[in-house]
Amino acid sequence: MPSRERERASAAAVRKAPARELSPAAARALTRRGESSLDFALELEDHGIQVDRMGLDRKQWRQFMGPGVTPANFWEKVLPGLDLAGERRVRISSPDLMQGKELSRLDLELKASVKDRDGKFVPVELEWRIEPREKTGRLAMLSLDAAGRGRGLGEALFERTMAFFRDRGVERVTMRANIDVGGYLWPQKGFFAQDLGEAAAMLGDGPAYGAKGQIHAQIESLRAAIRRREIQGGLSKEEREQTREFAAELDQAQRIVEDGRRHVAAGNLRAAQLAVPMVAALRAETPEFLIRKISADNRGALYAALRADTLGKALLCGTACEAAYDFRDARCRRLYSPKPTA
């Protein structure tokens, strides 16, 4: 079909969609790109997939989603095995939309309610970015409603996030790791700090925390809470035993941090990186009587430890760093390897 006739047919297709309100810019762009682009834009919209300026065509969709993923089966393919309910929304954006060319970047925002292992539906939000030329991905957000935490749902979403990146050729995934997005989870999943200054701030000799470092300061605060409670007296035999076990693991944490600090001082980021996942793996439970003491005495940074069920989580409360997982790095894979999710 000659180009002028094709343009007239495309314009007619836009006019034949009275049920949809297209912005003038979107209508003009879709007219230029052809009737099939309009059809695909409306198909996306029918399945709750919103695209900035309705500018994604089928070729660009396949570039990122791969074979077999359609707007109709998007959720089943992207979050397989999860029981979803209620309204589901996807927002897709890219600086290259409306230009009809290969995309340099694609951002996805996903919102849904997912059933946890207790049978309750929990609101979740995910934000992903893929840059195919650099083979990089970014996990910008993995957010759960507070009521759904601690029931395995975060782990399930993380597994599917990493599988999504892996299956689309991503070699390196980055994120801003902090307590709000599970700062104690990512070190156990092979995400390493990428900046020596931030590693220093967590371990010691960092400008943000003077010579102590955030983890070191948390260790000292827990030790001080133990000493105050012991001075009060009245601990049962069982509580004294719990205190000894907890203090012994605090000593182990201190040794790990001191080793990491030596690597920071030597400028050896690769060696210093290993300290944080070792701290995250500490499994001692904070004694209940100590939690009560901390709760009574402290409403600052240490109070966040009350939300943690292990020492590793407590020590990482309040830390933050730019972190990355590299699928090619054996160190990352030893800590975590994405599982099949289908």
C-alpha atoms as a PDB file:
ATOM      1  CA  MET A   1       0.000   0.000   0.000  1.00  0.00           C
ATOM      2  CA  PRO A   2       1.471   3.436  -0.935  1.00  0.00           C
ATOM      3  CA  SER A   3       2.552   5.486   2.068  1.00  0.00           C
ATOM      4  CA  ARG A   4      -0.175   8.152   1.576  1.00  0.00           C
ATOM      5  CA  GLU A   5      -2.909   5.484   1.493  1.00  0.00           C
ATOM      6  CA  ARG A   6      -1.400   3.831   4.555  1.00  0.00           C
ATOM      7  CA  GLU A   7      -1.494   7.154   6.426  1.00  0.00           C
ATOM      8  CA  ARG A   8      -5.158   7.665   5.464  1.00  0.00           C
ATOM      9  CA  ALA A   9      -6.019   4.138   6.661  1.00  0.00           C
ATOM     10  CA  SER A  10      -4.181   4.715   9.927  1.00  0.00           C
ATOM     11  CA  ALA A  11      -5.937   8.017  10.502  1.00  0.00           C
ATOM     12  CA  ALA A  12      -9.271   6.329   9.874  1.00  0.00           C
ATOM     13  CA  ALA A  13      -8.361   3.664  12.416  1.00  0.00           C
ATOM     14  CA  VAL A  14      -7.718   6.327  15.037  1.00  0.00           C
ATOM     15  CA  ARG A  15     -11.050   7.979  14.275  1.00  0.00           C
ATOM     16  CA  LYS A  16     -12.818   4.601  14.590  1.00  0.00           C
ATOM     17  CA  ALA A  17     -11.883   4.293  18.275  1.00  0.00           C
ATOM     18  CA  PRO A  18     -14.457   6.636  19.859  1.00  0.00           C
ATOM     19  CA  ALA A  19     -14.530   4.656  23.129  1.00  0.00           C
ATOM     20  CA  ARG A  20     -10.883   5.561  23.775  1.00  0.00           C
ATOM     21  CA  GLU A  21      -9.754   9.064  24.542  1.00  0.00           C
ATOM     22  CA  LEU A  22      -6.369   9.579  22.885  1.00  0.00           C
ATOM     23  CA  SER A  23      -4.373  12.705  23.447  1.00  0.00           C
ATOM     24  CA  PRO A  24      -3.757  14.675  20.248  1.00  0.00           C
ATOM     25  CA  ALA A  25      -0.036  13.800  20.423  1.00  0.00           C
ATOM     26  CA  ALA A  26      -0.756  10.092  20.832  1.00  0.00           C
ATOM     27  CA  ALA A  27      -3.289  10.118  18.011  1.00  0.00           C
ATOM     28  CA  ARG A  28      -0.836  11.827  15.640  1.00  0.00           C
ATOM     29  CA  ALA A  29       1.971   9.429  16.560  1.00  0.00           C
ATOM     30  CA  LEU A  30      -0.210   6.360  16.152  1.00  0.00           C
ATOM     31  CA  THR A  31      -1.459   7.657  12.827  1.00  0.00           C
ATOM     32  CA  ARG A  32       2.124   7.965  11.622  1.00  0.00           C
ATOM     33  CA  ARG A  33       3.080   4.498  12.866  1.00  0.00           C
ATOM     34  CA  GLY A  34       0.113   2.627  11.430  1.00  0.00           C
ATOM     35  CA  GLU A  35      -3.095   0.852  12.365  1.00  0.00           C
ATOM     36  CA  SER A  36      -1.274  -2.107  13.956  1.00  0.00           C
ATOM     37  CA  SER A  37       0.319   0.240  16.497  1.00  0.00           C
ATOM     38  CA  LEU A  38      -3.097   1.539  17.457  1.00  0.00           C
ATOM     39  CA  ASP A  39      -4.467  -1.976  17.778  1.00  0.00           C
ATOM     40  CA  PHE A  40      -1.591  -2.986  20.033  1.00  0.00           C
ATOM     41  CA  ALA A  41      -1.908   0.149  22.164  1.00  0.00           C
ATOM     42  CA  LEU A  42      -5.579  -0.611  22.762  1.00  0.00           C
ATOM     43  CA  GLU A  43      -4.782  -4.276  23.467  1.00  0.00           C
ATOM     44  CA  LEU A  44      -2.313  -3.208  26.144  1.00  0.00           C
ATOM     45  CA  GLU A  45      -4.880  -0.900  27.677  1.00  0.00           C
ATOM     46  CA  ASP A  46      -7.492  -3.658  27.738  1.00  0.00           C
ATOM     47  CA  HIS A  47      -5.198  -5.685  30.008  1.00  0.00           C
ATOM     48  CA  GLY A  48      -4.359  -2.869  32.428  1.00  0.00           C
ATOM     49  CA  ILE A  49      -0.979  -2.081  30.873  1.00  0.00           C
ATOM     50  CA  GLN A  50      -0.469   1.659  30.629  1.00  0.00           C
ATOM     51  CA  VAL A  51       2.234   2.934  28.294  1.00  0.00           C
ATOM     52  CA  ASP A  52       3.446   6.523  28.282  1.00  0.00           C
ATOM     53  CA  ARG A  53       1.797   8.273  25.318  1.00  0.00           C
ATOM     54  CA  MET A  54       0.643   4.840  24.072  1.00  0.00           C
ATOM     55  CA  GLY A  55       3.954   4.601  22.251  1.00  0.00           C
ATOM     56  CA  LEU A  56       4.989   0.925  22.485  1.00  0.00           C
ATOM     57  CA  ASP A  57       4.694  -1.266  19.398  1.00  0.00           C
ATOM     58  CA  ARG A  58       4.741  -5.069  19.117  1.00  0.00           C
ATOM     59  CA  LYS A  59       8.375  -5.220  18.038  1.00  0.00           C
ATOM     60  CA  GLN A  60       9.509  -3.195  21.058  1.00  0.00           C
ATOM     61  CA  TRP A  61       7.325  -5.315  23.333  1.00  0.00           C
ATOM     62  CA  ARG A  62       8.967  -8.513  22.060  1.00  0.00           C
ATOM     63  CA  GLN A  63      12.406  -6.940  22.466  1.00  0.00           C
ATOM     64  CA  PHE A  64      11.892  -6.776  26.237  1.00  0.00           C
ATOM     65  CA  MET A  65       9.290  -9.396  27.038  1.00  0.00           C
ATOM     66  CA  GLY A  66      10.596 -12.176  24.853  1.00  0.00           C
ATOM     67  CA  PRO A  67       8.650 -14.834  22.950  1.00  0.00           C
ATOM     68  CA  GLY A  68       5.417 -16.123  24.391  1.00  0.00           C
ATOM     69  CA  VAL A  69       4.645 -13.084  26.574  1.00  0.00           C
ATOM     70  CA  THR A  70       1.511 -11.233  25.505  1.00  0.00           C
ATOM     71  CA  PRO A  71      -0.542  -8.522  27.186  1.00  0.00           C
ATOM     72  CA  ALA A  72      -3.113 -11.214  28.036  1.00  0.00           C
ATOM     73  CA  ASN A  73      -0.675 -13.531  29.838  1.00  0.00           C
ATOM     74  CA  PHE A  74       1.733 -10.870  31.135  1.00  0.00           C
ATOM     75  CA  TRP A  75       1.164 -11.514  34.855  1.00  0.00           C
ATOM     76  CA  GLU A  76       1.223 -15.283  34.474  1.00  0.00           C
ATOM     77  CA  LYS A  77       4.571 -15.122  32.668  1.00  0.00           C
ATOM     78  CA  VAL A  78       6.237 -12.369  34.702  1.00  0.00           C
ATOM     79  CA  LEU A  79       5.091 -13.438  38.184  1.00  0.00           C
ATOM     80  CA  PRO A  80       4.460 -17.174  37.650  1.00  0.00           C
ATOM     81  CA  GLY A  81       3.000 -19.278  40.414  1.00  0.00           C
ATOM     82  CA  LEU A  82       1.620 -16.350  42.444  1.00  0.00           C
ATOM     83  CA  ASP A  83      -2.074 -16.035  43.257  1.00  0.00           C
ATOM     84  CA  LEU A  84      -3.129 -12.516  42.270  1.00  0.00           C
ATOM     85  CA  ALA A  85      -6.381 -10.744  43.077  1.00  0.00           C
ATOM     86  CA  GLY A  86      -8.009  -7.371  42.637  1.00  0.00           C
ATOM     87  CA  GLU A  87      -6.918  -4.659  40.236  1.00  0.00           C
ATOM     88  CA  ARG A  88      -3.551  -5.135  38.558  1.00  0.00           C
ATOM     89  CA  ARG A  89      -1.770  -2.242  36.958  1.00  0.00           C
ATOM     90  CA  VAL A  90       1.385  -1.998  34.861  1.00  0.00           C
ATOM     91  CA  ARG A  91       2.991   1.229  33.748  1.00  0.00           C
ATOM     92  CA  ILE A  92       5.658   1.156  31.021  1.00  0.00           C
ATOM     93  CA  SER A  93       7.873   4.082  30.132  1.00  0.00           C
ATOM     94  CA  SER A  94      11.023   4.745  28.117  1.00  0.00           C
ATOM     95  CA  PRO A  95      12.800   7.802  26.735  1.00  0.00           C
ATOM     96  CA  ASP A  96      12.624   6.161  23.292  1.00  0.00           C
ATOM     97  CA  LEU A  97       8.867   5.599  23.106  1.00  0.00           C
ATOM     98  CA  MET A  98       7.020   7.120  20.143  1.00  0.00           C
ATOM     99  CA  GLN A  99      10.193   7.026  18.063  1.00  0.00           C
ATOM    100  CA  GLY A 100       9.594   3.590  16.549  1.00  0.00           C
ATOM    101  CA  LYS A 101      13.137   2.373  17.191  1.00  0.00           C
ATOM    102  CA  GLU A 102      14.923  -0.155  19.360  1.00  0.00           C
ATOM    103  CA  LEU A 103      14.583   0.901  22.982  1.00  0.00           C
ATOM    104  CA  SER A 104      17.683   1.748  25.002  1.00  0.00           C
ATOM    105  CA  ARG A 105      15.784   1.455  28.282  1.00  0.00           C
ATOM    106  CA  LEU A 106      12.447   0.256  29.597  1.00  0.00           C
ATOM    107  CA  ASP A 107      10.933   1.016  33.008  1.00  0.00           C
ATOM    108  CA  LEU A 108       8.128  -1.115  34.432  1.00  0.00           C
ATOM    109  CA  GLU A 109       5.974  -0.333  37.470  1.00  0.00           C
ATOM    110  CA  LEU A 110       3.766  -3.193  38.689  1.00  0.00           C
ATOM    111  CA  LYS A 111       1.000  -3.028  41.287  1.00  0.00           C
ATOM    112  CA  ALA A 112      -1.131  -5.953  42.425  1.00  0.00           C
ATOM    113  CA  SER A 113      -2.397  -7.878  45.447  1.00  0.00           C
ATOM    114  CA  VAL A 114      -0.686 -11.228  45.993  1.00  0.00           C
ATOM    115  CA  LYS A 115      -1.766 -14.083  48.272  1.00  0.00           C
ATOM    116  CA  ASP A 116       0.789 -14.928  50.961  1.00  0.00           C
ATOM    117  CA  ARG A 117       1.291 -18.350  52.537  1.00  0.00           C
ATOM    118  CA  ASP A 118      -1.308 -17.531  55.187  1.00  0.00           C
ATOM    119  CA  GLY A 119      -3.954 -16.999  52.508  1.00  0.00           C
ATOM    120  CA  LYS A 120      -4.108 -13.224  52.874  1.00  0.00           C
ATOM    121  CA  PHE A 121      -3.879 -10.884  49.895  1.00  0.00           C
ATOM    122  CA  VAL A 122      -1.152  -8.277  50.311  1.00  0.00           C
ATOM    123  CA  PRO A 123      -0.672  -5.119  48.175  1.00  0.00           C
ATOM    124  CA  VAL A 124       2.728  -5.122  46.471  1.00  0.00           C
ATOM    125  CA  GLU A 125       4.622  -2.720  44.214  1.00  0.00           C
ATOM    126  CA  LEU A 126       7.597  -3.452  41.976  1.00  0.00           C
ATOM    127  CA  GLU A 127       9.702  -1.130  39.843  1.00  0.00           C
ATOM    128  CA  TRP A 128      12.168  -2.597  37.342  1.00  0.00           C
ATOM    129  CA  ARG A 129      14.446  -1.103  34.721  1.00  0.00           C
ATOM    130  CA  ILE A 130      16.240  -2.863  31.862  1.00  0.00           C
ATOM    131  CA  GLU A 131      18.983  -1.380  29.684  1.00  0.00           C
ATOM    132  CA  PRO A 132      19.651  -4.060  27.044  1.00  0.00           C
ATOM    133  CA  ARG A 133      22.689  -2.479  25.431  1.00  0.00           C
ATOM    134  CA  GLU A 134      24.554  -2.485  28.756  1.00  0.00           C
ATOM    135  CA  LYS A 135      22.864  -5.753  29.807  1.00  0.00           C
ATOM    136  CA  THR A 136      21.948  -4.182  33.134  1.00  0.00           C
ATOM    137  CA  GLY A 137      18.802  -4.149  35.225  1.00  0.00           C
ATOM    138  CA  ARG A 138      17.772  -2.121  38.235  1.00  0.00           C
ATOM    139  CA  LEU A 139      15.451  -3.098  41.043  1.00  0.00           C
ATOM    140  CA  ALA A 140      14.167   0.337  41.993  1.00  0.00           C
ATOM    141  CA  MET A 141      11.425  -0.867  44.338  1.00  0.00           C
ATOM    142  CA  LEU A 142      10.120  -4.021  45.962  1.00  0.00           C
ATOM    143  CA  SER A 143       7.465  -2.895  48.400  1.00  0.00           C
ATOM    144  CA  LEU A 144       5.103  -4.966  50.535  1.00  0.00           C
ATOM    145  CA  ASP A 145       2.300  -3.840  52.760  1.00  0.00           C
ATOM    146  CA  ALA A 146       3.560  -4.125  56.347  1.00  0.00           C
ATOM    147  CA  ALA A 147       0.948  -6.781  57.136  1.00  0.00           C
ATOM    148  CA  GLY A 148       2.464  -9.114  54.551  1.00  0.00           C
ATOM    149  CA  ARG A 149       6.056  -9.119  55.752  1.00  0.00           C
ATOM    150  CA  GLY A 150       7.649 -12.184  57.269  1.00  0.00           C
ATOM    151  CA  ARG A 151       5.425 -14.634  55.362  1.00  0.00           C
ATOM    152  CA  GLY A 152       7.684 -15.529  52.463  1.00  0.00           C
ATOM    153  CA  LEU A 153       6.102 -13.138  49.969  1.00  0.00           C
ATOM    154  CA  GLY A 154       9.114 -10.851  49.707  1.00  0.00           C
ATOM    155  CA  GLU A 155      11.295 -13.863  48.948  1.00  0.00           C
ATOM    156  CA  ALA A 156       8.879 -15.029  46.238  1.00  0.00           C
ATOM    157  CA  LEU A 157       8.790 -11.605  44.590  1.00  0.00           C
ATOM    158  CA  PHE A 158      12.564 -11.349  44.751  1.00  0.00           C
ATOM    159  CA  GLU A 159      12.941 -14.754  43.049  1.00  0.00           C
ATOM    160  CA  ARG A 160      10.679 -13.692  40.203  1.00  0.00           C
ATOM    161  CA  THR A 161      12.391 -10.322  39.860  1.00  0.00           C
ATOM    162  CA  MET A 162      15.797 -11.931  39.450  1.00  0.00           C
ATOM    163  CA  ALA A 163      14.431 -14.579  37.066  1.00  0.00           C
ATOM    164  CA  PHE A 164      12.837 -11.809  34.973  1.00  0.00           C
ATOM    165  CA  PHE A 165      16.194 -10.065  34.616  1.00  0.00           C
ATOM    166  CA  ARG A 166      18.152 -13.274  34.000  1.00  0.00           C
ATOM    167  CA  ASP A 167      15.757 -14.529  31.328  1.00  0.00           C
ATOM    168  CA  ARG A 168      16.101 -11.254  29.419  1.00  0.00           C
ATOM    169  CA  GLY A 169      19.867 -11.355  29.153  1.00  0.00           C
ATOM    170  CA  VAL A 170      20.686  -9.041  32.040  1.00  0.00           C
ATOM    171  CA  GLU A 171      24.169  -9.659  33.430  1.00  0.00           C
ATOM    172  CA  ARG A 172      24.200  -7.158  36.301  1.00  0.00           C
ATOM    173  CA  VAL A 173      21.376  -5.988  38.593  1.00  0.00           C
ATOM    174  CA  THR A 174      21.763  -2.879  40.734  1.00  0.00           C
ATOM    175  CA  MET A 175      19.712  -1.436  43.582  1.00  0.00           C
ATOM    176  CA  ARG A 176      19.801   1.012  46.461  1.00  0.00           C
ATOM    177  CA  ALA A 177      19.858  -1.398  49.398  1.00  0.00           C
ATOM    178  CA  ASN A 178      18.492  -0.064  52.670  1.00  0.00           C
ATOM    179  CA  ILE A 179      16.261  -1.220  55.495  1.00  0.00           C
ATOM    180  CA  ASP A 180      13.135  -0.010  53.726  1.00  0.00           C
ATOM    181  CA  VAL A 181      13.694  -2.500  50.917  1.00  0.00           C
ATOM    182  CA  GLY A 182      15.166  -5.271  53.033  1.00  0.00           C
ATOM    183  CA  GLY A 183      18.701  -4.124  53.723  1.00  0.00           C
ATOM    184  CA  TYR A 184      19.413  -7.366  55.577  1.00  0.00           C
ATOM    185  CA  LEU A 185      18.074  -9.588  52.759  1.00  0.00           C
ATOM    186  CA  TRP A 186      20.151  -8.371  49.834  1.00  0.00           C
ATOM    187  CA  PRO A 187      23.590  -9.119  51.357  1.00  0.00           C
ATOM    188  CA  GLN A 188      22.503 -12.746  51.676  1.00  0.00           C
ATOM    189  CA  LYS A 189      21.416 -12.764  48.024  1.00  0.00           C
ATOM    190  CA  GLY A 190      24.758 -11.875  46.508  1.00  0.00           C
ATOM    191  CA  PHE A 191      24.350  -8.085  46.281  1.00  0.00           C
ATOM    192  CA  PHE A 192      27.627  -6.384  47.189  1.00  0.00           C
ATOM    193  CA  ALA A 193      28.345  -2.755  48.065  1.00  0.00           C
ATOM    194  CA  GLN A 194      29.754  -0.944  45.044  1.00  0.00           C
ATOM    195  CA  ASP A 195      31.427   2.030  46.720  1.00  0.00           C
ATOM    196  CA  LEU A 196      34.341   1.927  49.170  1.00  0.00           C
ATOM    197  CA  GLY A 197      33.057   5.027  50.962  1.00  0.00           C
ATOM    198  CA  GLU A 198      29.676   3.419  51.631  1.00  0.00           C
ATOM    199  CA  ALA A 199      31.345   0.210  52.774  1.00  0.00           C
ATOM    200  CA  ALA A 200      33.413   2.345  55.127  1.00  0.00           C
ATOM    201  CA  ALA A 201      30.287   4.043  56.469  1.00  0.00           C
ATOM    202  CA  MET A 202      28.799   0.645  57.321  1.00  0.00           C
ATOM    203  CA  LEU A 203      31.929  -1.010  58.701  1.00  0.00           C
ATOM    204  CA  GLY A 204      34.090   1.808  60.011  1.00  0.00           C
ATOM    205  CA  ASP A 205      36.294   4.784  59.167  1.00  0.00           C
ATOM    206  CA  GLY A 206      33.519   6.271  57.091  1.00  0.00           C
ATOM    207  CA  PRO A 207      32.747  10.006  57.120  1.00  0.00           C
ATOM    208  CA  ALA A 208      29.065   9.421  57.894  1.00  0.00           C
ATOM    209  CA  TYR A 209      29.779   7.614  61.156  1.00  0.00           C
ATOM    210  CA  GLY A 210      33.251   8.762  62.154  1.00  0.00           C
ATOM    211  CA  ALA A 211      35.594   5.904  63.013  1.00  0.00           C
ATOM    212  CA  LYS A 212      32.918   3.446  64.172  1.00  0.00           C
ATOM    213  CA  GLY A 213      30.730   2.653  61.223  1.00  0.00           C
ATOM    214  CA  GLN A 214      27.019   1.946  61.483  1.00  0.00           C
ATOM    215  CA  ILE A 215      27.299  -1.808  62.156  1.00  0.00           C
ATOM    216  CA  HIS A 216      30.041  -1.292  64.744  1.00  0.00           C
ATOM    217  CA  ALA A 217      27.927   1.333  66.489  1.00  0.00           C
ATOM    218  CA  GLN A 218      24.964  -1.048  66.564  1.00  0.00           C
ATOM    219  CA  ILE A 219      27.131  -3.761  68.136  1.00  0.00           C
ATOM    220  CA  GLU A 220      28.249  -1.381  70.863  1.00  0.00           C
ATOM    221  CA  SER A 221      24.665  -0.279  71.532  1.00  0.00           C
ATOM    222  CA  LEU A 222      23.537  -3.897  71.963  1.00  0.00           C
ATOM    223  CA  ARG A 223      26.452  -4.608  74.289  1.00  0.00           C
ATOM    224  CA  ALA A 224      25.592  -1.546  76.372  1.00  0.00           C
ATOM    225  CA  ALA A 225      21.973  -2.725  76.625  1.00  0.00           C
ATOM    226  CA  ILE A 226      23.183  -6.139  77.840  1.00  0.00           C
ATOM    227  CA  ARG A 227      25.429  -4.534  80.478  1.00  0.00           C
ATOM    228  CA  ARG A 228      22.621  -2.313  81.753  1.00  0.00           C
ATOM    229  CA  ARG A 229      20.290  -5.269  82.041  1.00  0.00           C
ATOM    230  CA  GLU A 230      22.887  -7.379  83.845  1.00  0.00           C
ATOM    231  CA  ILE A 231      23.534  -4.581  86.334  1.00  0.00           C
ATOM    232  CA  GLN A 232      19.839  -4.531  87.166  1.00  0.00           C
ATOM    233  CA  GLY A 233      20.129  -8.213  88.122  1.00  0.00           C
ATOM    234  CA  GLY A 234      17.266 -10.640  88.585  1.00  0.00           C
ATOM    235  CA  LEU A 235      17.996 -12.668  85.441  1.00  0.00           C
ATOM    236  CA  SER A 236      16.963 -16.302  85.497  1.00  0.00           C
ATOM    237  CA  LYS A 237      19.420 -19.090  84.675  1.00  0.00           C
ATOM    238  CA  GLU A 238      17.860 -19.446  81.245  1.00  0.00           C
ATOM    239  CA  GLU A 239      18.124 -15.708  80.597  1.00  0.00           C
ATOM    240  CA  ARG A 240      21.781 -15.669  81.636  1.00  0.00           C
ATOM    241  CA  GLU A 241      22.468 -18.499  79.180  1.00  0.00           C
ATOM    242  CA  GLN A 242      20.656 -16.624  76.412  1.00  0.00           C
ATOM    243  CA  THR A 243      22.765 -13.574  77.221  1.00  0.00           C
ATOM    244  CA  ARG A 244      26.019 -15.532  76.948  1.00  0.00           C
ATOM    245  CA  GLU A 245      25.022 -17.021  73.580  1.00  0.00           C
ATOM    246  CA  PHE A 246      23.923 -13.663  72.224  1.00  0.00           C
ATOM    247  CA  ALA A 247      27.094 -11.934  73.481  1.00  0.00           C
ATOM    248  CA  ALA A 248      29.244 -14.640  71.851  1.00  0.00           C
ATOM    249  CA  GLU A 249      27.618 -13.965  68.474  1.00  0.00           C
ATOM    250  CA  LEU A 250      28.102 -10.242  69.011  1.00  0.00           C
ATOM    251  CA  ASP A 251      31.808 -10.989  69.451  1.00  0.00           C
ATOM    252  CA  GLN A 252      31.767 -12.883  66.158  1.00  0.00           C
ATOM    253  CA  ALA A 253      30.088  -9.919  64.483  1.00  0.00           C
ATOM    254  CA  GLN A 254      32.773  -7.643  65.894  1.00  0.00           C
ATOM    255  CA  ARG A 255      35.536  -9.832  64.448  1.00  0.00           C
ATOM    256  CA  ILE A 256      33.872  -9.777  61.031  1.00  0.00           C
ATOM    257  CA  VAL A 257      33.557  -5.991  61.140  1.00  0.00           C
ATOM    258  CA  GLU A 258      37.150  -5.487  62.265  1.00  0.00           C
ATOM    259  CA  ASP A 259      38.362  -7.655  59.399  1.00  0.00           C
ATOM    260  CA  GLY A 260      36.242  -5.644  56.974  1.00  0.00           C
ATOM    261  CA  ARG A 261      37.591  -2.384  58.379  1.00  0.00           C
ATOM    262  CA  ARG A 262      41.140  -3.506  57.706  1.00  0.00           C
ATOM    263  CA  HIS A 263      40.227  -4.125  54.074  1.00  0.00           C
ATOM    264  CA  VAL A 264      38.542  -0.709  53.887  1.00  0.00           C
ATOM    265  CA  ALA A 265      41.661   0.948  55.274  1.00  0.00           C
ATOM    266  CA  ALA A 266      43.723  -0.865  52.627  1.00  0.00           C
ATOM    267  CA  GLY A 267      41.345   0.304  49.891  1.00  0.00           C
ATOM    268  CA  ASN A 268      40.396  -3.287  49.032  1.00  0.00           C
ATOM    269  CA  LEU A 269      36.698  -3.028  48.181  1.00  0.00           C
ATOM    270  CA  ARG A 270      36.381  -6.582  46.846  1.00  0.00           C
ATOM    271  CA  ALA A 271      37.567  -8.065  50.156  1.00  0.00           C
ATOM    272  CA  ALA A 272      35.623  -5.552  52.288  1.00  0.00           C
ATOM    273  CA  GLN A 273      32.411  -6.447  50.426  1.00  0.00           C
ATOM    274  CA  LEU A 274      32.358  -9.910  51.999  1.00  0.00           C
ATOM    275  CA  ALA A 275      31.942  -8.602  55.560  1.00  0.00           C
ATOM    276  CA  VAL A 276      28.341  -7.443  55.151  1.00  0.00           C
ATOM    277  CA  PRO A 277      26.858 -10.770  53.935  1.00  0.00           C
ATOM    278  CA  MET A 278      28.728 -12.501  56.763  1.00  0.00           C
ATOM    279  CA  VAL A 279      27.085 -10.162  59.273  1.00  0.00           C
ATOM    280  CA  ALA A 280      23.698 -10.651  57.592  1.00  0.00           C
ATOM    281  CA  ALA A 281      24.026 -14.424  58.054  1.00  0.00           C
ATOM    282  CA  LEU A 282      24.271 -14.223  61.863  1.00  0.00           C
ATOM    283  CA  ARG A 283      21.205 -16.052  63.166  1.00  0.00           C
ATOM    284  CA  ALA A 284      21.184 -15.473  66.938  1.00  0.00           C
ATOM    285  CA  GLU A 285      17.809 -14.311  68.251  1.00  0.00           C
ATOM    286  CA  THR A 286      17.670 -11.220  70.445  1.00  0.00           C
ATOM    287  CA  PRO A 287      16.588 -12.377  73.941  1.00  0.00           C
ATOM    288  CA  GLU A 288      13.067 -11.269  74.816  1.00  0.00           C
ATOM    289  CA  PHE A 289      14.134  -9.663  78.090  1.00  0.00           C
ATOM    290  CA  LEU A 290      16.743  -7.612  76.205  1.00  0.00           C
ATOM    291  CA  ILE A 291      14.139  -6.474  73.691  1.00  0.00           C
ATOM    292  CA  ARG A 292      11.997  -5.205  76.557  1.00  0.00           C
ATOM    293  CA  LYS A 293      14.984  -3.331  77.967  1.00  0.00           C
ATOM    294  CA  ILE A 294      15.858  -1.761  74.609  1.00  0.00           C
ATOM    295  CA  SER A 295      12.225  -0.807  74.057  1.00  0.00           C
ATOM    296  CA  ALA A 296      12.097   0.970  77.410  1.00  0.00           C
ATOM    297  CA  ASP A 297      15.410   2.787  76.975  1.00  0.00           C
ATOM    298  CA  ASN A 298      15.791   3.561  73.295  1.00  0.00           C
ATOM    299  CA  ARG A 299      13.606   5.033  70.558  1.00  0.00           C
ATOM    300  CA  GLY A 300      16.414   5.789  68.134  1.00  0.00           C
ATOM    301  CA  ALA A 301      18.344   3.686  65.663  1.00  0.00           C
ATOM    302  CA  LEU A 302      18.594   0.685  67.970  1.00  0.00           C
ATOM    303  CA  TYR A 303      14.830   0.551  68.354  1.00  0.00           C
ATOM    304  CA  ALA A 304      14.671  -0.670  64.744  1.00  0.00           C
ATOM    305  CA  ALA A 305      16.322  -3.887  65.946  1.00  0.00           C
ATOM    306  CA  LEU A 306      13.045  -4.803  67.639  1.00  0.00           C
ATOM    307  CA  ARG A 307      11.608  -5.527  64.188  1.00  0.00           C
ATOM    308  CA  ALA A 308      14.402  -7.969  63.426  1.00  0.00           C
ATOM    309  CA  ASP A 309      14.235 -11.647  64.298  1.00  0.00           C
ATOM    310  CA  THR A 310      17.978 -12.293  63.976  1.00  0.00           C
ATOM    311  CA  LEU A 311      21.157 -10.524  65.018  1.00  0.00           C
ATOM    312  CA  GLY A 312      22.212 -10.060  61.394  1.00  0.00           C
ATOM    313  CA  LYS A 313      19.034  -8.131  60.637  1.00  0.00           C
ATOM    314  CA  ALA A 314      19.377  -6.042  63.802  1.00  0.00           C
ATOM    315  CA  LEU A 315      22.936  -5.005  62.954  1.00  0.00           C
ATOM    316  CA  LEU A 316      22.023  -3.976  59.418  1.00  0.00           C
ATOM    317  CA  CYS A 317      19.055  -1.818  60.453  1.00  0.00           C
ATOM    318  CA  GLY A 318      19.662   1.719  59.235  1.00  0.00           C
ATOM    319  CA  THR A 319      22.431   0.888  56.770  1.00  0.00           C
ATOM    320  CA  ALA A 320      22.275   1.814  53.098  1.00  0.00           C
ATOM    321  CA  CYS A 321      24.456   1.316  50.056  1.00  0.00           C
ATOM    322  CA  GLU A 322      24.450   1.106  46.281  1.00  0.00           C
ATOM    323  CA  ALA A 323      24.607  -2.645  45.680  1.00  0.00           C
ATOM    324  CA  ALA A 324      24.876  -4.933  42.661  1.00  0.00           C
ATOM    325  CA  TYR A 325      24.459  -8.601  41.776  1.00  0.00           C
ATOM    326  CA  ASP A 326      26.513  -9.915  38.847  1.00  0.00           C
ATOM    327  CA  PHE A 327      25.297 -13.149  37.249  1.00  0.00           C
ATOM    328  CA  ARG A 328      28.862 -13.734  35.983  1.00  0.00           C
ATOM    329  CA  ASP A 329      30.488 -13.432  39.433  1.00  0.00           C
ATOM    330  CA  ALA A 330      30.975 -16.768  41.213  1.00  0.00           C
ATOM    331  CA  ARG A 331      30.870 -14.998  44.598  1.00  0.00           C
ATOM    332  CA  CYS A 332      27.357 -13.769  43.881  1.00  0.00           C
ATOM    333  CA  ARG A 333      26.219 -17.163  42.634  1.00  0.00           C
ATOM    334  CA  ARG A 334      27.596 -18.929  45.709  1.00  0.00           C
ATOM    335  CA  LEU A 335      25.372 -16.762  47.906  1.00  0.00           C
ATOM    336  CA  TYR A 336      22.347 -16.920  45.649  1.00  0.00           C
ATOM    337  CA  SER A 337      21.340 -18.389  42.302  1.00  0.00           C
ATOM    338  CA  PRO A 338      17.865 -17.579  40.935  1.00  0.00           C
ATOM    339  CA  LYS A 339      15.591 -20.594  40.887  1.00  0.00           C
ATOM    340  CA  PRO A 340      13.219 -21.560  38.073  1.00  0.00           C
ATOM    341  CA  THR A 341       9.849 -19.985  38.817  1.00  0.00           C
ATOM    342  CA  ALA A 342       7.619 -21.574  36.206  1.00  0.00           C
END
